[in-house]
C-alpha atoms as a PDB file:
ATOM      1  CA  MET A   1     -94.832 -36.961 -77.530  1.00  0.00           C
ATOM      2  CA  SER A   2     -94.252 -33.768 -75.294  1.00  0.00           C
ATOM      3  CA  PHE A   3     -96.394 -32.054 -73.307  1.00  0.00           C
ATOM      4  CA  ARG A   4     -98.319 -29.079 -74.492  1.00  0.00           C
ATOM      5  CA  LEU A   5    -100.397 -26.500 -73.077  1.00  0.00           C
ATOM      6  CA  THR A   6    -103.494 -25.840 -74.550  1.00  0.00           C
ATOM      7  CA  PRO A   7    -106.008 -22.908 -74.124  1.00  0.00           C
ATOM      8  CA  GLU A   8    -108.763 -25.135 -72.675  1.00  0.00           C
ATOM      9  CA  MET A   9    -105.705 -26.370 -70.185  1.00  0.00           C
ATOM     10  CA  ALA A  10    -105.246 -23.317 -68.998  1.00  0.00           C
ATOM     11  CA  GLU A  11    -108.811 -21.760 -68.914  1.00  0.00           C
ATOM     12  CA  ARG A  12    -109.828 -24.436 -66.334  1.00  0.00           C
ATOM     13  CA  PRO A  13    -108.167 -23.425 -63.412  1.00  0.00           C
ATOM     14  CA  ARG A  14    -109.856 -20.314 -63.739  1.00  0.00           C
ATOM     15  CA  ARG A  15    -113.073 -21.729 -64.356  1.00  0.00           C
ATOM     16  CA  THR A  16    -112.782 -23.731 -61.225  1.00  0.00           C
ATOM     17  CA  ILE A  17    -112.083 -20.421 -58.846  1.00  0.00           C
ATOM     18  CA  HIS A  18    -115.410 -19.162 -60.591  1.00  0.00           C
ATOM     19  CA  ALA A  19    -117.130 -22.463 -59.845  1.00  0.00           C
ATOM     20  CA  ALA A  20    -115.468 -22.306 -56.332  1.00  0.00           C
ATOM     21  CA  GLU A  21    -117.345 -18.744 -55.906  1.00  0.00           C
ATOM     22  CA  ILE A  22    -120.705 -20.154 -57.259  1.00  0.00           C
ATOM     23  CA  LEU A  23    -120.349 -22.667 -54.364  1.00  0.00           C
ATOM     24  CA  HIS A  24    -119.612 -20.003 -51.621  1.00  0.00           C
ATOM     25  CA  MET A  25    -122.158 -17.841 -52.887  1.00  0.00           C
ATOM     26  CA  ASN A  26    -124.694 -20.752 -51.904  1.00  0.00           C
ATOM     27  CA  ALA A  27    -123.213 -21.925 -48.875  1.00  0.00           C
ATOM     28  CA  ARG A  28    -126.336 -21.016 -46.912  1.00  0.00           C
ATOM     29  CA  THR A  29    -128.346 -23.470 -49.035  1.00  0.00           C
ATOM     30  CA  ILE A  30    -125.749 -26.285 -49.212  1.00  0.00           C
ATOM     31  CA  ALA A  31    -125.738 -25.749 -44.905  1.00  0.00           C
ATOM     32  CA  ALA A  32    -129.723 -26.100 -44.840  1.00  0.00           C
ATOM     33  CA  ALA A  33    -129.431 -29.255 -46.702  1.00  0.00           C
ATOM     34  CA  CYS A  34    -126.484 -30.717 -44.379  1.00  0.00           C
ATOM     35  CA  GLY A  35    -128.560 -29.538 -41.398  1.00  0.00           C
ATOM     36  CA  ASP A  36    -131.641 -31.663 -42.987  1.00  0.00           C
ATOM     37  CA  ALA A  37    -129.367 -34.629 -43.901  1.00  0.00           C
ATOM     38  CA  GLY A  38    -129.666 -37.843 -41.849  1.00  0.00           C
ATOM     39  CA  PRO A  39    -126.248 -39.082 -40.427  1.00  0.00           C
ATOM     40  CA  ASP A  40    -125.965 -41.956 -43.459  1.00  0.00           C
ATOM     41  CA  GLU A  41    -126.533 -39.373 -45.769  1.00  0.00           C
ATOM     42  CA  ILE A  42    -124.688 -37.072 -48.165  1.00  0.00           C
ATOM     43  CA  VAL A  43    -124.895 -33.751 -49.689  1.00  0.00           C
ATOM     44  CA  VAL A  44    -124.289 -32.799 -53.207  1.00  0.00           C
ATOM     45  CA  ALA A  45    -123.697 -29.867 -55.053  1.00  0.00           C
ATOM     46  CA  VAL A  46    -122.787 -29.391 -58.531  1.00  0.00           C
ATOM     47  CA  VAL A  47    -121.827 -26.354 -60.512  1.00  0.00           C
ATOM     48  CA  ASP A  48    -122.351 -26.893 -64.244  1.00  0.00           C
ATOM     49  CA  ARG A  49    -120.176 -26.535 -67.237  1.00  0.00           C
ATOM     50  CA  ASN A  50    -121.949 -23.227 -67.743  1.00  0.00           C
ATOM     51  CA  LEU A  51    -120.448 -21.967 -64.176  1.00  0.00           C
ATOM     52  CA  VAL A  52    -124.111 -22.381 -62.830  1.00  0.00           C
ATOM     53  CA  LEU A  53    -125.462 -23.885 -59.844  1.00  0.00           C
ATOM     54  CA  ALA A  54    -127.377 -27.212 -61.088  1.00  0.00           C
ATOM     55  CA  GLY A  55    -128.423 -28.082 -57.775  1.00  0.00           C
ATOM     56  CA  VAL A  56    -127.994 -29.569 -54.268  1.00  0.00           C
ATOM     57  CA  TRP A  57    -128.865 -32.921 -53.281  1.00  0.00           C
ATOM     58  CA  THR A  58    -129.372 -35.406 -50.330  1.00  0.00           C
ATOM     59  CA  PHE A  59    -129.353 -39.105 -50.741  1.00  0.00           C
ATOM     60  CA  PRO A  60    -128.098 -41.784 -48.680  1.00  0.00           C
ATOM     61  CA  LEU A  61    -124.249 -42.276 -49.183  1.00  0.00           C
ATOM     62  CA  VAL A  62    -124.455 -45.932 -50.405  1.00  0.00           C
ATOM     63  CA  GLU A  63    -126.322 -44.419 -53.594  1.00  0.00           C
ATOM     64  CA  LEU A  64    -123.453 -42.242 -53.942  1.00  0.00           C
ATOM     65  CA  THR A  65    -122.234 -43.736 -57.055  1.00  0.00           C
ATOM     66  CA  SER A  66    -125.330 -44.713 -58.727  1.00  0.00           C
ATOM     67  CA  ARG A  67    -127.371 -41.461 -57.672  1.00  0.00           C
ATOM     68  CA  ALA A  68    -124.619 -38.444 -57.880  1.00  0.00           C
ATOM     69  CA  PRO A  69    -125.166 -36.534 -60.638  1.00  0.00           C
ATOM     70  CA  GLN A  70    -123.220 -36.062 -63.469  1.00  0.00           C
ATOM     71  CA  ALA A  71    -120.783 -32.915 -63.162  1.00  0.00           C
ATOM     72  CA  ASP A  72    -120.479 -33.504 -67.017  1.00  0.00           C
ATOM     73  CA  GLY A  73    -117.317 -31.132 -67.236  1.00  0.00           C
ATOM     74  CA  GLY A  74    -118.212 -29.017 -64.284  1.00  0.00           C
ATOM     75  CA  TRP A  75    -117.963 -29.509 -60.570  1.00  0.00           C
ATOM     76  CA  LEU A  76    -119.262 -31.469 -57.924  1.00  0.00           C
ATOM     77  CA  LEU A  77    -118.575 -31.311 -54.184  1.00  0.00           C
ATOM     78  CA  THR A  78    -119.872 -33.921 -51.282  1.00  0.00           C
ATOM     79  CA  PHE A  79    -120.829 -32.448 -48.101  1.00  0.00           C
ATOM     80  CA  SER A  80    -121.093 -34.342 -44.726  1.00  0.00           C
ATOM     81  CA  PRO A  81    -124.423 -34.001 -42.481  1.00  0.00           C
ATOM     82  CA  GLY A  82    -124.354 -31.052 -40.357  1.00  0.00           C
ATOM     83  CA  SER A  83    -121.686 -29.226 -42.224  1.00  0.00           C
ATOM     84  CA  ALA A  84    -121.881 -25.499 -41.507  1.00  0.00           C
ATOM     85  CA  ARG A  85    -121.869 -22.617 -43.577  1.00  0.00           C
ATOM     86  CA  THR A  86    -118.319 -21.512 -42.444  1.00  0.00           C
ATOM     87  CA  GLU A  87    -116.914 -25.167 -43.194  1.00  0.00           C
ATOM     88  CA  ILE A  88    -118.688 -24.989 -46.220  1.00  0.00           C
ATOM     89  CA  GLU A  89    -117.146 -21.416 -47.430  1.00  0.00           C
ATOM     90  CA  ALA A  90    -113.874 -22.600 -45.976  1.00  0.00           C
ATOM     91  CA  ARG A  91    -113.780 -25.524 -48.622  1.00  0.00           C
ATOM     92  CA  CYS A  92    -115.068 -23.003 -51.364  1.00  0.00           C
ATOM     93  CA  ILE A  93    -111.931 -21.127 -50.436  1.00  0.00           C
ATOM     94  CA  ASP A  94    -109.395 -23.607 -50.325  1.00  0.00           C
ATOM     95  CA  LEU A  95    -111.024 -25.234 -53.586  1.00  0.00           C
ATOM     96  CA  ALA A  96    -110.296 -21.535 -55.589  1.00  0.00           C
ATOM     97  CA  ARG A  97    -106.649 -21.617 -53.644  1.00  0.00           C
ATOM     98  CA  SER A  98    -105.903 -24.833 -55.465  1.00  0.00           C
ATOM     99  CA  ALA A  99    -106.822 -24.229 -58.418  1.00  0.00           C
ATOM    100  CA  LEU A 100    -104.660 -20.895 -58.447  1.00  0.00           C
ATOM    101  CA  LYS A 101    -101.763 -22.907 -57.641  1.00  0.00           C
ATOM    102  CA  ARG A 102    -102.574 -24.780 -60.468  1.00  0.00           C
ATOM    103  CA  TRP A 103    -102.890 -22.070 -62.638  1.00  0.00           C
ATOM    104  CA  GLU A 104     -99.550 -20.489 -61.379  1.00  0.00           C
ATOM    105  CA  ALA A 105     -97.832 -23.999 -61.832  1.00  0.00           C
ATOM    106  CA  LEU A 106     -99.350 -24.163 -65.659  1.00  0.00           C
ATOM    107  CA  ARG A 107     -98.123 -20.753 -66.368  1.00  0.00           C
ATOM    108  CA  ARG A 108     -94.593 -21.046 -65.083  1.00  0.00           C
ATOM    109  CA  TRP A 109     -94.224 -24.434 -66.736  1.00  0.00           C
ATOM    110  CA  ASP A 110     -95.440 -22.460 -69.910  1.00  0.00           C
ATOM    111  CA  SER A 111     -92.985 -19.501 -69.568  1.00  0.00           C
ATOM    112  CA  LYS A 112     -89.907 -22.178 -69.229  1.00  0.00           C
ATOM    113  CA  HIS A 113     -90.658 -24.621 -72.526  1.00  0.00           C
ATOM    114  CA  SER A 114     -92.767 -22.308 -75.295  1.00  0.00           C
END
């Protein structure tokens, strides 16, 4: 069985970059939730598969696996209490850069193997 790059696989990094942009644009909202979060809580931000901010939630860290919303083909990022807007923006930029590197690697692989 050989690996074959599908259009969906090639599209995912581009969509991840866009999801990171949406989170970056909402960094102020996420930071406000982080500012209100207690030391034993976690903040979860979700961008759905339609590339829309689905919400920002805060709940006890011990309940992360049971209460975290399903990303269901989207993107879910967690943030610590007290995370500043600048930290959140930096994480979003890092996510976008990582997705760009994945896209570039997929393109290189595809150009060598197609």
